[in-house]
Amino acid sequence: MRLATPRSAALSALIFDAVIIPLLLPLALRGVQFRAETAQNLFQRNLWISGLGGLIAPFVGIKLIDAATNSNGSLKWKAYWKEMREVFERLMPRISYGRSS
C-alpha cells in the first residue's frame, strides 16, 4: 500500500477501526429483514455487499488516513506521540518503551 512508515500504518489502522466500529454498530443492532430467497442468492448478494466492501473499504480508508497524517506536517503526529510517550514514561517509569537504558 506504500504507506509512509510502519508506525503510521499501525496508527492509520487503529484510527480506521476506531471510526468504523461505531458506524457499524447501528447496522448490526438493527439486523436484517427476512427474505424468502434461496441460500445461494442470499450468499451471493451478501458476498458482493459485505465481502467486497469489507475488502476494499479498509484499504482505501487506511491509505487516506495515512496520507492525511503524513501530509507536509499539517497534522503534527510526531510531536503528539513524543509528548504522549513522555507522559506515559512519567506515569510508568519501570517500562522502557523501546529505549535501552
PDB file of N, CA and C in Angstrom:
ATOM      1  N   MET A   1       0.814  -1.191   0.000  1.00  0.00           N
ATOM      2  CA  MET A   1       0.000   0.000   0.000  1.00  0.00           C
ATOM      3  C   MET A   1       0.859   1.257   0.000  1.00  0.00           C
ATOM      4  N   ARG A   2       2.153   1.099   0.162  1.00  0.00           N
ATOM      5  CA  ARG A   2       3.093   2.226   0.157  1.00  0.00           C
ATOM      6  C   ARG A   2       2.727   3.293   1.186  1.00  0.00           C
ATOM      7  N   LEU A   3       2.519   2.846   2.410  1.00  0.00           N
ATOM      8  CA  LEU A   3       2.250   3.781   3.491  1.00  0.00           C
ATOM      9  C   LEU A   3       3.568   4.391   3.939  1.00  0.00           C
ATOM     10  N   ALA A   4       3.502   5.502   4.657  1.00  0.00           N
ATOM     11  CA  ALA A   4       4.704   6.270   4.988  1.00  0.00           C
ATOM     12  C   ALA A   4       5.685   5.468   5.836  1.00  0.00           C
ATOM     13  N   THR A   5       5.250   4.934   6.945  1.00  0.00           N
ATOM     14  CA  THR A   5       6.115   4.160   7.840  1.00  0.00           C
ATOM     15  C   THR A   5       5.288   3.054   8.476  1.00  0.00           C
ATOM     16  N   PRO A   6       5.939   2.055   9.048  1.00  0.00           N
ATOM     17  CA  PRO A   6       5.169   1.036   9.767  1.00  0.00           C
ATOM     18  C   PRO A   6       4.370   1.628  10.934  1.00  0.00           C
ATOM     19  N   ARG A   7       4.942   2.606  11.600  1.00  0.00           N
ATOM     20  CA  ARG A   7       4.241   3.241  12.716  1.00  0.00           C
ATOM     21  C   ARG A   7       2.983   3.965  12.229  1.00  0.00           C
ATOM     22  N   SER A   8       3.096   4.698  11.126  1.00  0.00           N
ATOM     23  CA  SER A   8       1.922   5.405  10.611  1.00  0.00           C
ATOM     24  C   SER A   8       0.890   4.425  10.067  1.00  0.00           C
ATOM     25  N   ALA A   9       1.347   3.270   9.565  1.00  0.00           N
ATOM     26  CA  ALA A   9       0.410   2.253   9.092  1.00  0.00           C
ATOM     27  C   ALA A   9      -0.411   1.712  10.259  1.00  0.00           C
ATOM     28  N   ALA A  10       0.261   1.423  11.381  1.00  0.00           N
ATOM     29  CA  ALA A  10      -0.452   0.922  12.563  1.00  0.00           C
ATOM     30  C   ALA A  10      -1.401   1.987  13.111  1.00  0.00           C
ATOM     31  N   LEU A  11      -0.942   3.224  13.147  1.00  0.00           N
ATOM     32  CA  LEU A  11      -1.783   4.323  13.631  1.00  0.00           C
ATOM     33  C   LEU A  11      -2.998   4.510  12.729  1.00  0.00           C
ATOM     34  N   SER A  12      -2.800   4.447  11.421  1.00  0.00           N
ATOM     35  CA  SER A  12      -3.904   4.604  10.479  1.00  0.00           C
ATOM     36  C   SER A  12      -4.927   3.487  10.634  1.00  0.00           C
ATOM     37  N   ALA A  13      -4.450   2.260  10.817  1.00  0.00           N
ATOM     38  CA  ALA A  13      -5.366   1.135  11.014  1.00  0.00           C
ATOM     39  C   ALA A  13      -6.147   1.295  12.316  1.00  0.00           C
ATOM     40  N   LEU A  14      -5.475   1.762  13.356  1.00  0.00           N
ATOM     41  CA  LEU A  14      -6.140   1.975  14.640  1.00  0.00           C
ATOM     42  C   LEU A  14      -7.218   3.055  14.528  1.00  0.00           C
ATOM     43  N   ILE A  15      -6.897   4.149  13.862  1.00  0.00           N
ATOM     44  CA  ILE A  15      -7.873   5.229  13.673  1.00  0.00           C
ATOM     45  C   ILE A  15      -9.041   4.737  12.826  1.00  0.00           C
ATOM     46  N   PHE A  16      -8.756   3.992  11.765  1.00  0.00           N
ATOM     47  CA  PHE A  16      -9.815   3.470  10.904  1.00  0.00           C
ATOM     48  C   PHE A  16     -10.762   2.583  11.711  1.00  0.00           C
ATOM     49  N   ASP A  17     -10.196   1.689  12.521  1.00  0.00           N
ATOM     50  CA  ASP A  17     -11.038   0.811  13.336  1.00  0.00           C
ATOM     51  C   ASP A  17     -11.861   1.605  14.337  1.00  0.00           C
ATOM     52  N   ALA A  18     -11.249   2.627  14.936  1.00  0.00           N
ATOM     53  CA  ALA A  18     -11.960   3.438  15.922  1.00  0.00           C
ATOM     54  C   ALA A  18     -13.117   4.203  15.281  1.00  0.00           C
ATOM     55  N   VAL A  19     -13.009   4.510  14.009  1.00  0.00           N
ATOM     56  CA  VAL A  19     -14.070   5.241  13.314  1.00  0.00           C
ATOM     57  C   VAL A  19     -15.133   4.285  12.784  1.00  0.00           C
ATOM     58  N   ILE A  20     -14.716   3.170  12.213  1.00  0.00           N
ATOM     59  CA  ILE A  20     -15.657   2.290  11.515  1.00  0.00           C
ATOM     60  C   ILE A  20     -16.522   1.472  12.466  1.00  0.00           C
ATOM     61  N   ILE A  21     -15.988   1.077  13.617  1.00  0.00           N
ATOM     62  CA  ILE A  21     -16.768   0.239  14.533  1.00  0.00           C
ATOM     63  C   ILE A  21     -18.021   0.964  15.028  1.00  0.00           C
ATOM     64  N   PRO A  22     -17.926   2.211  15.513  1.00  0.00           N
ATOM     65  CA  PRO A  22     -19.167   2.886  15.914  1.00  0.00           C
ATOM     66  C   PRO A  22     -20.145   3.110  14.755  1.00  0.00           C
ATOM     67  N   LEU A  23     -19.623   3.220  13.544  1.00  0.00           N
ATOM     68  CA  LEU A  23     -20.517   3.390  12.399  1.00  0.00           C
ATOM     69  C   LEU A  23     -21.252   2.097  12.058  1.00  0.00           C
ATOM     70  N   LEU A  24     -20.646   0.950  12.330  1.00  0.00           N
ATOM     71  CA  LEU A  24     -21.270  -0.330  12.001  1.00  0.00           C
ATOM     72  C   LEU A  24     -22.188  -0.857  13.109  1.00  0.00           C
ATOM     73  N   LEU A  25     -22.046  -0.352  14.321  1.00  0.00           N
ATOM     74  CA  LEU A  25     -22.874  -0.847  15.424  1.00  0.00           C
ATOM     75  C   LEU A  25     -24.378  -0.679  15.184  1.00  0.00           C
ATOM     76  N   PRO A  26     -24.854   0.472  14.741  1.00  0.00           N
ATOM     77  CA  PRO A  26     -26.307   0.573  14.489  1.00  0.00           C
ATOM     78  C   PRO A  26     -26.790  -0.424  13.432  1.00  0.00           C
ATOM     79  N   LEU A  27     -25.979  -0.671  12.435  1.00  0.00           N
ATOM     80  CA  LEU A  27     -26.348  -1.645  11.411  1.00  0.00           C
ATOM     81  C   LEU A  27     -26.462  -3.042  12.013  1.00  0.00           C
ATOM     82  N   ALA A  28     -25.524  -3.392  12.866  1.00  0.00           N
ATOM     83  CA  ALA A  28     -25.551  -4.715  13.494  1.00  0.00           C
ATOM     84  C   ALA A  28     -26.725  -4.846  14.462  1.00  0.00           C
ATOM     85  N   LEU A  29     -27.028  -3.797  15.193  1.00  0.00           N
ATOM     86  CA  LEU A  29     -28.125  -3.857  16.155  1.00  0.00           C
ATOM     87  C   LEU A  29     -29.486  -3.870  15.474  1.00  0.00           C
ATOM     88  N   ARG A  30     -29.586  -3.206  14.327  1.00  0.00           N
ATOM     89  CA  ARG A  30     -30.849  -3.178  13.594  1.00  0.00           C
ATOM     90  C   ARG A  30     -31.174  -4.547  13.010  1.00  0.00           C
ATOM     91  N   GLY A  31     -30.162  -5.255  12.555  1.00  0.00           N
ATOM     92  CA  GLY A  31     -30.383  -6.561  11.954  1.00  0.00           C
ATOM     93  C   GLY A  31     -30.772  -6.446  10.495  1.00  0.00           C
ATOM     94  N   VAL A  32     -31.244  -7.541   9.953  1.00  0.00           N
ATOM     95  CA  VAL A  32     -31.666  -7.564   8.550  1.00  0.00           C
ATOM     96  C   VAL A  32     -33.082  -8.114   8.461  1.00  0.00           C
ATOM     97  N   GLN A  33     -33.755  -7.744   7.397  1.00  0.00           N
ATOM     98  CA  GLN A  33     -35.106  -8.258   7.192  1.00  0.00           C
ATOM     99  C   GLN A  33     -35.036  -9.672   6.632  1.00  0.00           C
ATOM    100  N   PHE A  34     -36.002 -10.469   7.007  1.00  0.00           N
ATOM    101  CA  PHE A  34     -36.093 -11.818   6.465  1.00  0.00           C
ATOM    102  C   PHE A  34     -36.606 -11.750   5.035  1.00  0.00           C
ATOM    103  N   ARG A  35     -35.928 -12.470   4.174  1.00  0.00           N
ATOM    104  CA  ARG A  35     -36.364 -12.557   2.776  1.00  0.00           C
ATOM    105  C   ARG A  35     -36.403 -14.022   2.379  1.00  0.00           C
ATOM    106  N   ALA A  36     -37.470 -14.403   1.759  1.00  0.00           N
ATOM    107  CA  ALA A  36     -37.617 -15.788   1.312  1.00  0.00           C
ATOM    108  C   ALA A  36     -36.862 -15.960  -0.006  1.00  0.00           C
ATOM    109  N   GLU A  37     -35.576 -16.236   0.102  1.00  0.00           N
ATOM    110  CA  GLU A  37     -34.735 -16.462  -1.076  1.00  0.00           C
ATOM    111  C   GLU A  37     -33.933 -17.733  -0.855  1.00  0.00           C
ATOM    112  N   THR A  38     -33.373 -18.211  -1.930  1.00  0.00           N
ATOM    113  CA  THR A  38     -32.524 -19.393  -1.790  1.00  0.00           C
ATOM    114  C   THR A  38     -31.225 -18.995  -1.092  1.00  0.00           C
ATOM    115  N   ALA A  39     -30.602 -19.968  -0.500  1.00  0.00           N
ATOM    116  CA  ALA A  39     -29.354 -19.721   0.214  1.00  0.00           C
ATOM    117  C   ALA A  39     -28.289 -19.179  -0.735  1.00  0.00           C
ATOM    118  N   GLN A  40     -28.255 -19.679  -1.938  1.00  0.00           N
ATOM    119  CA  GLN A  40     -27.251 -19.215  -2.897  1.00  0.00           C
ATOM    120  C   GLN A  40     -27.449 -17.743  -3.244  1.00  0.00           C
ATOM    121  N   ASN A  41     -28.692 -17.322  -3.463  1.00  0.00           N
ATOM    122  CA  ASN A  41     -28.950 -15.915  -3.769  1.00  0.00           C
ATOM    123  C   ASN A  41     -28.567 -15.010  -2.607  1.00  0.00           C
ATOM    124  N   LEU A  42     -28.933 -15.417  -1.390  1.00  0.00           N
ATOM    125  CA  LEU A  42     -28.563 -14.634  -0.212  1.00  0.00           C
ATOM    126  C   LEU A  42     -27.050 -14.543  -0.065  1.00  0.00           C
ATOM    127  N   PHE A  43     -26.373 -15.673  -0.242  1.00  0.00           N
ATOM    128  CA  PHE A  43     -24.917 -15.706  -0.109  1.00  0.00           C
ATOM    129  C   PHE A  43     -24.251 -14.806  -1.139  1.00  0.00           C
ATOM    130  N   GLN A  44     -24.692 -14.877  -2.384  1.00  0.00           N
ATOM    131  CA  GLN A  44     -24.076 -14.060  -3.429  1.00  0.00           C
ATOM    132  C   GLN A  44     -24.289 -12.578  -3.187  1.00  0.00           C
ATOM    133  N   ARG A  45     -25.498 -12.196  -2.799  1.00  0.00           N
ATOM    134  CA  ARG A  45     -25.756 -10.783  -2.531  1.00  0.00           C
ATOM    135  C   ARG A  45     -24.930 -10.294  -1.335  1.00  0.00           C
ATOM    136  N   ASN A  46     -24.910 -11.076  -0.256  1.00  0.00           N
ATOM    137  CA  ASN A  46     -24.139 -10.682   0.916  1.00  0.00           C
ATOM    138  C   ASN A  46     -22.644 -10.660   0.628  1.00  0.00           C
ATOM    139  N   LEU A  47     -22.186 -11.558  -0.213  1.00  0.00           N
ATOM    140  CA  LEU A  47     -20.767 -11.583  -0.570  1.00  0.00           C
ATOM    141  C   LEU A  47     -20.387 -10.324  -1.337  1.00  0.00           C
ATOM    142  N   TRP A  48     -21.229  -9.898  -2.250  1.00  0.00           N
ATOM    143  CA  TRP A  48     -20.930  -8.692  -3.017  1.00  0.00           C
ATOM    144  C   TRP A  48     -20.977  -7.442  -2.145  1.00  0.00           C
ATOM    145  N   ILE A  49     -21.993  -7.348  -1.307  1.00  0.00           N
ATOM    146  CA  ILE A  49     -22.152  -6.134  -0.489  1.00  0.00           C
ATOM    147  C   ILE A  49     -21.130  -6.107   0.640  1.00  0.00           C
ATOM    148  N   SER A  50     -21.160  -7.093   1.496  1.00  0.00           N
ATOM    149  CA  SER A  50     -20.305  -7.090   2.682  1.00  0.00           C
ATOM    150  C   SER A  50     -18.874  -7.514   2.365  1.00  0.00           C
ATOM    151  N   GLY A  51     -18.739  -8.535   1.561  1.00  0.00           N
ATOM    152  CA  GLY A  51     -17.406  -9.057   1.268  1.00  0.00           C
ATOM    153  C   GLY A  51     -16.551  -8.088   0.489  1.00  0.00           C
ATOM    154  N   LEU A  52     -17.076  -7.574  -0.592  1.00  0.00           N
ATOM    155  CA  LEU A  52     -16.312  -6.651  -1.418  1.00  0.00           C
ATOM    156  C   LEU A  52     -16.087  -5.330  -0.681  1.00  0.00           C
ATOM    157  N   GLY A  53     -17.123  -4.847  -0.021  1.00  0.00           N
ATOM    158  CA  GLY A  53     -16.972  -3.628   0.773  1.00  0.00           C
ATOM    159  C   GLY A  53     -16.003  -3.817   1.919  1.00  0.00           C
ATOM    160  N   GLY A  54     -16.022  -4.994   2.526  1.00  0.00           N
ATOM    161  CA  GLY A  54     -15.114  -5.287   3.629  1.00  0.00           C
ATOM    162  C   GLY A  54     -13.676  -5.460   3.193  1.00  0.00           C
ATOM    163  N   LEU A  55     -13.463  -5.749   1.933  1.00  0.00           N
ATOM    164  CA  LEU A  55     -12.099  -5.865   1.416  1.00  0.00           C
ATOM    165  C   LEU A  55     -11.558  -4.538   0.908  1.00  0.00           C
ATOM    166  N   ILE A  56     -12.403  -3.753   0.281  1.00  0.00           N
ATOM    167  CA  ILE A  56     -11.937  -2.509  -0.340  1.00  0.00           C
ATOM    168  C   ILE A  56     -11.908  -1.344   0.647  1.00  0.00           C
ATOM    169  N   ALA A  57     -12.944  -1.195   1.445  1.00  0.00           N
ATOM    170  CA  ALA A  57     -13.049  -0.036   2.346  1.00  0.00           C
ATOM    171  C   ALA A  57     -11.862   0.109   3.299  1.00  0.00           C
ATOM    172  N   PRO A  58     -11.388  -0.964   3.945  1.00  0.00           N
ATOM    173  CA  PRO A  58     -10.244  -0.779   4.846  1.00  0.00           C
ATOM    174  C   PRO A  58      -8.995  -0.284   4.126  1.00  0.00           C
ATOM    175  N   PHE A  59      -8.710  -0.809   2.963  1.00  0.00           N
ATOM    176  CA  PHE A  59      -7.512  -0.378   2.242  1.00  0.00           C
ATOM    177  C   PHE A  59      -7.604   1.097   1.862  1.00  0.00           C
ATOM    178  N   VAL A  60      -8.748   1.496   1.347  1.00  0.00           N
ATOM    179  CA  VAL A  60      -8.933   2.889   0.951  1.00  0.00           C
ATOM    180  C   VAL A  60      -8.904   3.794   2.176  1.00  0.00           C
ATOM    181  N   GLY A  61      -9.630   3.410   3.227  1.00  0.00           N
ATOM    182  CA  GLY A  61      -9.687   4.226   4.433  1.00  0.00           C
ATOM    183  C   GLY A  61      -8.336   4.389   5.102  1.00  0.00           C
ATOM    184  N   ILE A  62      -7.593   3.299   5.232  1.00  0.00           N
ATOM    185  CA  ILE A  62      -6.274   3.357   5.880  1.00  0.00           C
ATOM    186  C   ILE A  62      -5.311   4.184   5.040  1.00  0.00           C
ATOM    187  N   LYS A  63      -5.368   4.046   3.732  1.00  0.00           N
ATOM    188  CA  LYS A  63      -4.492   4.833   2.861  1.00  0.00           C
ATOM    189  C   LYS A  63      -4.807   6.329   2.979  1.00  0.00           C
ATOM    190  N   LEU A  64      -6.090   6.689   3.010  1.00  0.00           N
ATOM    191  CA  LEU A  64      -6.474   8.095   3.134  1.00  0.00           C
ATOM    192  C   LEU A  64      -6.045   8.673   4.486  1.00  0.00           C
ATOM    193  N   ILE A  65      -6.220   7.903   5.543  1.00  0.00           N
ATOM    194  CA  ILE A  65      -5.812   8.370   6.869  1.00  0.00           C
ATOM    195  C   ILE A  65      -4.299   8.533   6.922  1.00  0.00           C
ATOM    196  N   ASP A  66      -3.569   7.580   6.350  1.00  0.00           N
ATOM    197  CA  ASP A  66      -2.109   7.667   6.330  1.00  0.00           C
ATOM    198  C   ASP A  66      -1.658   8.896   5.539  1.00  0.00           C
ATOM    199  N   ALA A  67      -2.301   9.144   4.415  1.00  0.00           N
ATOM    200  CA  ALA A  67      -1.937  10.311   3.609  1.00  0.00           C
ATOM    201  C   ALA A  67      -2.236  11.603   4.368  1.00  0.00           C
ATOM    202  N   ALA A  68      -3.351  11.636   5.083  1.00  0.00           N
ATOM    203  CA  ALA A  68      -3.715  12.846   5.828  1.00  0.00           C
ATOM    204  C   ALA A  68      -2.769  13.098   6.994  1.00  0.00           C
ATOM    205  N   THR A  69      -2.339  12.039   7.661  1.00  0.00           N
ATOM    206  CA  THR A  69      -1.474  12.215   8.833  1.00  0.00           C
ATOM    207  C   THR A  69      -0.027  12.492   8.451  1.00  0.00           C
ATOM    208  N   ASN A  70       0.339  12.276   7.204  1.00  0.00           N
ATOM    209  CA  ASN A  70       1.719  12.493   6.784  1.00  0.00           C
ATOM    210  C   ASN A  70       1.845  13.572   5.715  1.00  0.00           C
ATOM    211  N   SER A  71       0.875  14.453   5.629  1.00  0.00           N
ATOM    212  CA  SER A  71       0.898  15.463   4.577  1.00  0.00           C
ATOM    213  C   SER A  71       1.586  16.737   5.059  1.00  0.00           C
ATOM    214  N   ASN A  72       2.820  16.906   4.712  1.00  0.00           N
ATOM    215  CA  ASN A  72       3.585  18.132   4.960  1.00  0.00           C
ATOM    216  C   ASN A  72       3.520  18.618   6.405  1.00  0.00           C
ATOM    217  N   GLY A  73       3.353  17.709   7.331  1.00  0.00           N
ATOM    218  CA  GLY A  73       3.343  18.088   8.737  1.00  0.00           C
ATOM    219  C   GLY A  73       2.129  18.870   9.173  1.00  0.00           C
ATOM    220  N   SER A  74       1.066  18.877   8.341  1.00  0.00           N
ATOM    221  CA  SER A  74      -0.114  19.646   8.726  1.00  0.00           C
ATOM    222  C   SER A  74      -0.747  19.074   9.993  1.00  0.00           C
ATOM    223  N   LEU A  75      -0.658  17.780  10.151  1.00  0.00           N
ATOM    224  CA  LEU A  75      -1.065  17.154  11.409  1.00  0.00           C
ATOM    225  C   LEU A  75       0.214  16.716  12.111  1.00  0.00           C
ATOM    226  N   LYS A  76       0.531  17.316  13.175  1.00  0.00           N
ATOM    227  CA  LYS A  76       1.818  17.093  13.829  1.00  0.00           C
ATOM    228  C   LYS A  76       1.767  15.867  14.739  1.00  0.00           C
ATOM    229  N   TRP A  77       1.680  14.697  14.099  1.00  0.00           N
ATOM    230  CA  TRP A  77       1.560  13.463  14.856  1.00  0.00           C
ATOM    231  C   TRP A  77       2.838  13.122  15.596  1.00  0.00           C
ATOM    232  N   LYS A  78       3.991  13.409  15.015  1.00  0.00           N
ATOM    233  CA  LYS A  78       5.252  13.057  15.674  1.00  0.00           C
ATOM    234  C   LYS A  78       5.391  13.783  17.000  1.00  0.00           C
ATOM    235  N   ALA A  79       5.070  15.059  17.009  1.00  0.00           N
ATOM    236  CA  ALA A  79       5.147  15.828  18.253  1.00  0.00           C
ATOM    237  C   ALA A  79       4.121  15.312  19.259  1.00  0.00           C
ATOM    238  N   TYR A  80       2.942  14.970  18.773  1.00  0.00           N
ATOM    239  CA  TYR A  80       1.903  14.452  19.646  1.00  0.00           C
ATOM    240  C   TYR A  80       2.335  13.155  20.296  1.00  0.00           C
ATOM    241  N   TRP A  81       2.867  12.217  19.502  1.00  0.00           N
ATOM    242  CA  TRP A  81       3.268  10.922  20.058  1.00  0.00           C
ATOM    243  C   TRP A  81       4.481  11.052  20.960  1.00  0.00           C
ATOM    244  N   LYS A  82       5.379  11.993  20.669  1.00  0.00           N
ATOM    245  CA  LYS A  82       6.514  12.225  21.551  1.00  0.00           C
ATOM    246  C   LYS A  82       6.028  12.709  22.910  1.00  0.00           C
ATOM    247  N   GLU A  83       5.066  13.621  22.894  1.00  0.00           N
ATOM    248  CA  GLU A  83       4.504  14.126  24.142  1.00  0.00           C
ATOM    249  C   GLU A  83       3.779  13.014  24.903  1.00  0.00           C
ATOM    250  N   MET A  84       3.005  12.189  24.186  1.00  0.00           N
ATOM    251  CA  MET A  84       2.298  11.087  24.831  1.00  0.00           C
ATOM    252  C   MET A  84       3.274  10.084  25.433  1.00  0.00           C
ATOM    253  N   ARG A  85       4.373   9.802  24.748  1.00  0.00           N
ATOM    254  CA  ARG A  85       5.381   8.876  25.266  1.00  0.00           C
ATOM    255  C   ARG A  85       5.983   9.411  26.561  1.00  0.00           C
ATOM    256  N   GLU A  86       6.265  10.718  26.589  1.00  0.00           N
ATOM    257  CA  GLU A  86       6.819  11.322  27.797  1.00  0.00           C
ATOM    258  C   GLU A  86       5.832  11.230  28.955  1.00  0.00           C
ATOM    259  N   VAL A  87       4.548  11.434  28.673  1.00  0.00           N
ATOM    260  CA  VAL A  87       3.529  11.309  29.723  1.00  0.00           C
ATOM    261  C   VAL A  87       3.494   9.884  30.258  1.00  0.00           C
ATOM    262  N   PHE A  88       3.483   8.902  29.356  1.00  0.00           N
ATOM    263  CA  PHE A  88       3.454   7.512  29.793  1.00  0.00           C
ATOM    264  C   PHE A  88       4.717   7.132  30.559  1.00  0.00           C
ATOM    265  N   GLU A  89       5.867   7.657  30.144  1.00  0.00           N
ATOM    266  CA  GLU A  89       7.103   7.354  30.862  1.00  0.00           C
ATOM    267  C   GLU A  89       7.091   7.935  32.270  1.00  0.00           C
ATOM    268  N   ARG A  90       6.473   9.109  32.429  1.00  0.00           N
ATOM    269  CA  ARG A  90       6.357   9.679  33.770  1.00  0.00           C
ATOM    270  C   ARG A  90       5.388   8.875  34.628  1.00  0.00           C
ATOM    271  N   LEU A  91       4.313   8.371  34.008  1.00  0.00           N
ATOM    272  CA  LEU A  91       3.327   7.597  34.766  1.00  0.00           C
ATOM    273  C   LEU A  91       3.820   6.202  35.101  1.00  0.00           C
ATOM    274  N   MET A  92       4.555   5.592  34.184  1.00  0.00           N
ATOM    275  CA  MET A  92       5.035   4.224  34.373  1.00  0.00           C
ATOM    276  C   MET A  92       6.525   4.165  34.082  1.00  0.00           C
ATOM    277  N   PRO A  93       7.357   4.604  35.016  1.00  0.00           N
ATOM    278  CA  PRO A  93       8.790   4.696  34.739  1.00  0.00           C
ATOM    279  C   PRO A  93       9.489   3.348  34.611  1.00  0.00           C
ATOM    280  N   ARG A  94       8.891   2.260  35.066  1.00  0.00           N
ATOM    281  CA  ARG A  94       9.552   0.954  35.018  1.00  0.00           C
ATOM    282  C   ARG A  94       9.551   0.335  33.626  1.00  0.00           C
ATOM    283  N   ILE A  95       8.709   0.798  32.719  1.00  0.00           N
ATOM    284  CA  ILE A  95       8.646   0.254  31.367  1.00  0.00           C
ATOM    285  C   ILE A  95       9.558   1.061  30.463  1.00  0.00           C
ATOM    286  N   SER A  96      10.353   0.387  29.630  1.00  0.00           N
ATOM    287  CA  SER A  96      11.368   1.093  28.844  1.00  0.00           C
ATOM    288  C   SER A  96      10.823   1.737  27.579  1.00  0.00           C
ATOM    289  N   TYR A  97       9.685   1.289  27.038  1.00  0.00           N
ATOM    290  CA  TYR A  97       9.099   1.845  25.815  1.00  0.00           C
ATOM    291  C   TYR A  97      10.070   1.820  24.648  1.00  0.00           C
ATOM    292  N   GLY A  98      10.815   0.746  24.510  1.00  0.00           N
ATOM    293  CA  GLY A  98      11.687   0.583  23.346  1.00  0.00           C
ATOM    294  C   GLY A  98      13.025   1.285  23.447  1.00  0.00           C
ATOM    295  N   ARG A  99      13.285   1.950  24.527  1.00  0.00           N
ATOM    296  CA  ARG A  99      14.565   2.622  24.700  1.00  0.00           C
ATOM    297  C   ARG A  99      15.472   1.786  25.570  1.00  0.00           C
ATOM    298  N   SER A 100      16.718   1.706  25.205  1.00  0.00           N
ATOM    299  CA  SER A 100      17.673   0.973  26.041  1.00  0.00           C
ATOM    300  C   SER A 100      18.331   1.937  27.016  1.00  0.00           C
ATOM    301  N   SER A 101      18.445   1.537  28.276  1.00  0.00           N
ATOM    302  CA  SER A 101      18.993   2.432  29.304  1.00  0.00           C
ATOM    303  C   SER A 101      20.495   2.344  29.353  1.00  0.00           C
TER     304      SER A 101
END
